[in-house]
Amino acid sequence: MAARRSDVAVISAVSGEGVDAARELMAAQLTAQHKLHRIFLGYGQGEAAAWLHARGEVLGDAPEGEGHVLTVRLDPADMARFERLFPGKVS
């Protein structure tokens, strides 16, 4: 029955079969609420860039004008923290 559910991973305690599927399922569940954001940072804003790299998944970094635009996947709570710490950066 459990093998038919998309939110359950079956693992064998004897062979370890299913561990990779369980890891993938856990990763998907942990990031299910994450959203993509485009964030402009000036070239001198290394602290903000480091914060994003430490707490999010930076998927892209493209030069634009006097800085660059990062495409970042972040949890909503981390996005709210970023906006409080570095206001006016999200497009």
N, C-alpha and C. Protein backbone atom coordinates (compact mmCIF):
# COMPACT_ATOMS: atom_id res chain seq x y z
N MET A 1 0.82 -1.19 0.00
CA MET A 1 0.00 0.00 0.00
C MET A 1 0.86 1.26 0.00
N ALA A 2 1.92 1.30 0.81
CA ALA A 2 2.76 2.50 0.91
C ALA A 2 3.46 2.81 -0.41
N ALA A 3 3.81 1.78 -1.18
CA ALA A 3 4.51 1.99 -2.45
C ALA A 3 3.66 2.75 -3.45
N ARG A 4 2.35 2.78 -3.27
CA ARG A 4 1.46 3.47 -4.20
C ARG A 4 1.31 4.96 -3.88
N ARG A 5 1.75 5.40 -2.72
CA ARG A 5 1.59 6.79 -2.32
C ARG A 5 2.80 7.61 -2.77
N SER A 6 2.55 8.80 -3.29
CA SER A 6 3.64 9.64 -3.77
C SER A 6 4.39 10.32 -2.63
N ASP A 7 3.83 10.33 -1.44
CA ASP A 7 4.47 10.99 -0.30
C ASP A 7 5.13 10.00 0.66
N VAL A 8 5.33 8.76 0.21
CA VAL A 8 5.92 7.72 1.04
C VAL A 8 7.05 7.05 0.26
N ALA A 9 8.18 6.83 0.94
CA ALA A 9 9.28 6.08 0.35
C ALA A 9 9.46 4.79 1.15
N VAL A 10 9.52 3.68 0.45
CA VAL A 10 9.71 2.39 1.09
C VAL A 10 11.21 2.09 1.10
N ILE A 11 11.72 1.76 2.29
CA ILE A 11 13.16 1.50 2.45
C ILE A 11 13.34 0.11 3.04
N SER A 12 14.30 -0.62 2.48
CA SER A 12 14.64 -1.93 3.02
C SER A 12 15.74 -1.77 4.07
N ALA A 13 15.47 -2.24 5.29
CA ALA A 13 16.47 -2.20 6.35
C ALA A 13 17.59 -3.21 6.09
N VAL A 14 17.32 -4.21 5.28
CA VAL A 14 18.30 -5.26 4.99
C VAL A 14 19.26 -4.80 3.90
N SER A 15 18.71 -4.37 2.76
CA SER A 15 19.55 -4.04 1.61
C SER A 15 19.83 -2.55 1.44
N GLY A 16 19.01 -1.71 2.08
CA GLY A 16 19.16 -0.26 1.90
C GLY A 16 18.46 0.25 0.66
N GLU A 17 17.80 -0.64 -0.06
CA GLU A 17 17.07 -0.23 -1.24
C GLU A 17 16.01 0.81 -0.87
N GLY A 18 15.90 1.84 -1.66
CA GLY A 18 14.91 2.88 -1.43
C GLY A 18 15.45 4.10 -0.72
N VAL A 19 16.68 4.05 -0.23
CA VAL A 19 17.25 5.20 0.49
C VAL A 19 17.37 6.41 -0.43
N ASP A 20 17.82 6.21 -1.66
CA ASP A 20 17.93 7.34 -2.59
C ASP A 20 16.57 7.97 -2.87
N ALA A 21 15.56 7.15 -3.04
CA ALA A 21 14.20 7.66 -3.28
C ALA A 21 13.72 8.44 -2.06
N ALA A 22 14.04 7.97 -0.86
CA ALA A 22 13.64 8.67 0.36
C ALA A 22 14.33 10.02 0.44
N ARG A 23 15.60 10.09 0.10
CA ARG A 23 16.33 11.36 0.11
C ARG A 23 15.71 12.35 -0.89
N GLU A 24 15.39 11.87 -2.08
CA GLU A 24 14.77 12.73 -3.08
C GLU A 24 13.41 13.24 -2.61
N LEU A 25 12.63 12.38 -1.99
CA LEU A 25 11.32 12.77 -1.48
C LEU A 25 11.46 13.82 -0.38
N MET A 26 12.40 13.61 0.53
CA MET A 26 12.62 14.57 1.61
C MET A 26 13.06 15.93 1.06
N ALA A 27 13.97 15.92 0.09
CA ALA A 27 14.44 17.18 -0.51
C ALA A 27 13.28 17.91 -1.18
N ALA A 28 12.44 17.17 -1.88
CA ALA A 28 11.29 17.79 -2.55
C ALA A 28 10.32 18.39 -1.54
N GLN A 29 10.08 17.68 -0.44
CA GLN A 29 9.17 18.18 0.59
C GLN A 29 9.74 19.41 1.29
N LEU A 30 11.04 19.41 1.54
CA LEU A 30 11.67 20.54 2.24
C LEU A 30 11.69 21.81 1.39
N THR A 31 11.70 21.66 0.08
CA THR A 31 11.77 22.84 -0.79
C THR A 31 10.46 23.13 -1.52
N ALA A 32 9.40 22.44 -1.17
CA ALA A 32 8.13 22.59 -1.89
C ALA A 32 7.57 24.01 -1.84
N GLN A 33 7.82 24.74 -0.78
CA GLN A 33 7.29 26.09 -0.64
C GLN A 33 8.24 27.18 -1.16
N HIS A 34 9.43 26.80 -1.58
CA HIS A 34 10.40 27.78 -2.07
C HIS A 34 9.92 28.41 -3.37
N LYS A 35 10.25 29.68 -3.55
CA LYS A 35 9.84 30.42 -4.74
C LYS A 35 11.06 31.06 -5.38
N LEU A 36 10.94 31.33 -6.69
CA LEU A 36 12.02 32.01 -7.41
C LEU A 36 11.89 33.52 -7.26
N HIS A 37 13.03 34.18 -7.10
CA HIS A 37 13.07 35.64 -6.98
C HIS A 37 14.21 36.17 -7.84
N ARG A 38 13.98 37.33 -8.42
CA ARG A 38 15.04 38.06 -9.14
C ARG A 38 15.47 39.20 -8.24
N ILE A 39 16.75 39.23 -7.91
CA ILE A 39 17.25 40.21 -6.96
C ILE A 39 18.42 40.95 -7.58
N PHE A 40 18.28 42.28 -7.68
CA PHE A 40 19.36 43.11 -8.20
C PHE A 40 20.28 43.50 -7.05
N LEU A 41 21.59 43.30 -7.25
CA LEU A 41 22.58 43.73 -6.29
C LEU A 41 23.65 44.53 -7.01
N GLY A 42 24.05 45.65 -6.42
CA GLY A 42 25.19 46.40 -6.94
C GLY A 42 26.45 45.59 -6.71
N TYR A 43 27.49 45.90 -7.48
CA TYR A 43 28.73 45.12 -7.37
C TYR A 43 29.36 45.22 -5.99
N GLY A 44 29.06 46.25 -5.23
CA GLY A 44 29.62 46.39 -3.89
C GLY A 44 28.81 45.75 -2.79
N GLN A 45 27.80 44.98 -3.13
CA GLN A 45 26.92 44.38 -2.12
C GLN A 45 27.21 42.90 -1.90
N GLY A 46 28.47 42.65 -1.62
CA GLY A 46 28.91 41.27 -1.41
C GLY A 46 28.27 40.59 -0.22
N GLU A 47 27.96 41.37 0.82
CA GLU A 47 27.34 40.78 2.01
C GLU A 47 25.96 40.20 1.67
N ALA A 48 25.18 40.93 0.88
CA ALA A 48 23.86 40.45 0.48
C ALA A 48 24.00 39.22 -0.42
N ALA A 49 24.96 39.23 -1.33
CA ALA A 49 25.17 38.08 -2.21
C ALA A 49 25.57 36.85 -1.40
N ALA A 50 26.46 37.04 -0.43
CA ALA A 50 26.89 35.92 0.41
C ALA A 50 25.71 35.36 1.21
N TRP A 51 24.86 36.25 1.70
CA TRP A 51 23.68 35.83 2.46
C TRP A 51 22.79 34.95 1.59
N LEU A 52 22.56 35.37 0.35
CA LEU A 52 21.72 34.60 -0.56
C LEU A 52 22.33 33.24 -0.89
N HIS A 53 23.63 33.21 -1.11
CA HIS A 53 24.30 31.95 -1.41
C HIS A 53 24.24 30.99 -0.22
N ALA A 54 24.30 31.52 0.99
CA ALA A 54 24.29 30.69 2.19
C ALA A 54 22.91 30.14 2.50
N ARG A 55 21.85 30.87 2.15
CA ARG A 55 20.51 30.48 2.57
C ARG A 55 19.57 30.07 1.45
N GLY A 56 19.97 30.32 0.22
CA GLY A 56 19.10 29.99 -0.90
C GLY A 56 19.84 29.16 -1.93
N GLU A 57 19.17 28.93 -3.02
CA GLU A 57 19.77 28.22 -4.15
C GLU A 57 19.89 29.22 -5.29
N VAL A 58 21.11 29.71 -5.53
CA VAL A 58 21.33 30.70 -6.58
C VAL A 58 21.40 29.96 -7.91
N LEU A 59 20.43 30.24 -8.79
CA LEU A 59 20.32 29.54 -10.06
C LEU A 59 20.91 30.32 -11.22
N GLY A 60 21.07 31.63 -11.04
CA GLY A 60 21.61 32.45 -12.11
C GLY A 60 22.19 33.74 -11.56
N ASP A 61 23.15 34.29 -12.32
CA ASP A 61 23.80 35.54 -11.94
C ASP A 61 24.17 36.25 -13.24
N ALA A 62 23.40 37.29 -13.59
CA ALA A 62 23.60 37.97 -14.87
C ALA A 62 23.95 39.44 -14.63
N PRO A 63 24.98 39.94 -15.32
CA PRO A 63 25.32 41.36 -15.18
C PRO A 63 24.19 42.25 -15.69
N GLU A 64 23.99 43.36 -15.01
CA GLU A 64 22.97 44.32 -15.44
C GLU A 64 23.35 45.69 -14.88
N GLY A 65 23.59 46.63 -15.76
CA GLY A 65 23.92 47.99 -15.34
C GLY A 65 25.11 48.02 -14.41
N GLU A 66 24.92 48.60 -13.23
CA GLU A 66 25.99 48.75 -12.25
C GLU A 66 26.01 47.61 -11.23
N GLY A 67 25.52 46.45 -11.63
CA GLY A 67 25.49 45.30 -10.73
C GLY A 67 25.12 44.04 -11.45
N HIS A 68 24.40 43.21 -10.77
CA HIS A 68 23.99 41.94 -11.38
C HIS A 68 22.66 41.51 -10.78
N VAL A 69 21.94 40.67 -11.53
CA VAL A 69 20.66 40.14 -11.08
C VAL A 69 20.86 38.66 -10.77
N LEU A 70 20.53 38.33 -9.53
CA LEU A 70 20.60 36.94 -9.10
C LEU A 70 19.20 36.34 -9.20
N THR A 71 19.11 35.15 -9.74
CA THR A 71 17.88 34.38 -9.71
C THR A 71 18.06 33.36 -8.60
N VAL A 72 17.21 33.49 -7.57
CA VAL A 72 17.41 32.71 -6.35
C VAL A 72 16.11 32.02 -5.95
N ARG A 73 16.23 30.76 -5.55
CA ARG A 73 15.09 30.03 -4.99
C ARG A 73 15.25 30.10 -3.47
N LEU A 74 14.22 30.67 -2.81
CA LEU A 74 14.27 30.87 -1.36
C LEU A 74 12.97 30.45 -0.69
N ASP A 75 13.09 29.98 0.51
CA ASP A 75 11.95 29.74 1.39
C ASP A 75 11.32 31.09 1.71
N PRO A 76 9.98 31.16 1.82
CA PRO A 76 9.32 32.44 2.12
C PRO A 76 9.85 33.13 3.38
N ALA A 77 10.16 32.37 4.41
CA ALA A 77 10.69 32.98 5.65
C ALA A 77 12.05 33.60 5.40
N ASP A 78 12.91 32.94 4.62
CA ASP A 78 14.21 33.52 4.30
C ASP A 78 14.08 34.74 3.41
N MET A 79 13.10 34.73 2.51
CA MET A 79 12.88 35.91 1.67
C MET A 79 12.47 37.10 2.52
N ALA A 80 11.61 36.87 3.50
CA ALA A 80 11.20 37.95 4.40
C ALA A 80 12.40 38.47 5.19
N ARG A 81 13.27 37.59 5.64
CA ARG A 81 14.48 38.02 6.36
C ARG A 81 15.38 38.85 5.45
N PHE A 82 15.54 38.39 4.21
CA PHE A 82 16.38 39.12 3.27
C PHE A 82 15.83 40.53 3.05
N GLU A 83 14.52 40.63 2.86
CA GLU A 83 13.91 41.94 2.63
C GLU A 83 14.08 42.88 3.82
N ARG A 84 14.08 42.32 5.04
CA ARG A 84 14.31 43.16 6.22
C ARG A 84 15.77 43.59 6.31
N LEU A 85 16.68 42.69 5.99
CA LEU A 85 18.11 42.99 6.09
C LEU A 85 18.61 43.88 4.94
N PHE A 86 18.06 43.66 3.75
CA PHE A 86 18.53 44.36 2.54
C PHE A 86 17.32 44.89 1.78
N PRO A 87 16.66 45.92 2.27
CA PRO A 87 15.42 46.42 1.64
C PRO A 87 15.64 46.97 0.24
N GLY A 88 14.60 46.83 -0.61
CA GLY A 88 14.60 47.42 -1.94
C GLY A 88 15.37 46.67 -3.00
N LYS A 89 15.67 45.40 -2.78
CA LYS A 89 16.49 44.66 -3.74
C LYS A 89 15.71 43.71 -4.64
N VAL A 90 14.47 43.40 -4.31
CA VAL A 90 13.71 42.38 -5.04
C VAL A 90 12.92 43.02 -6.15
N SER A 91 12.99 42.42 -7.35
CA SER A 91 12.19 42.92 -8.48
C SER A 91 11.11 41.93 -8.83
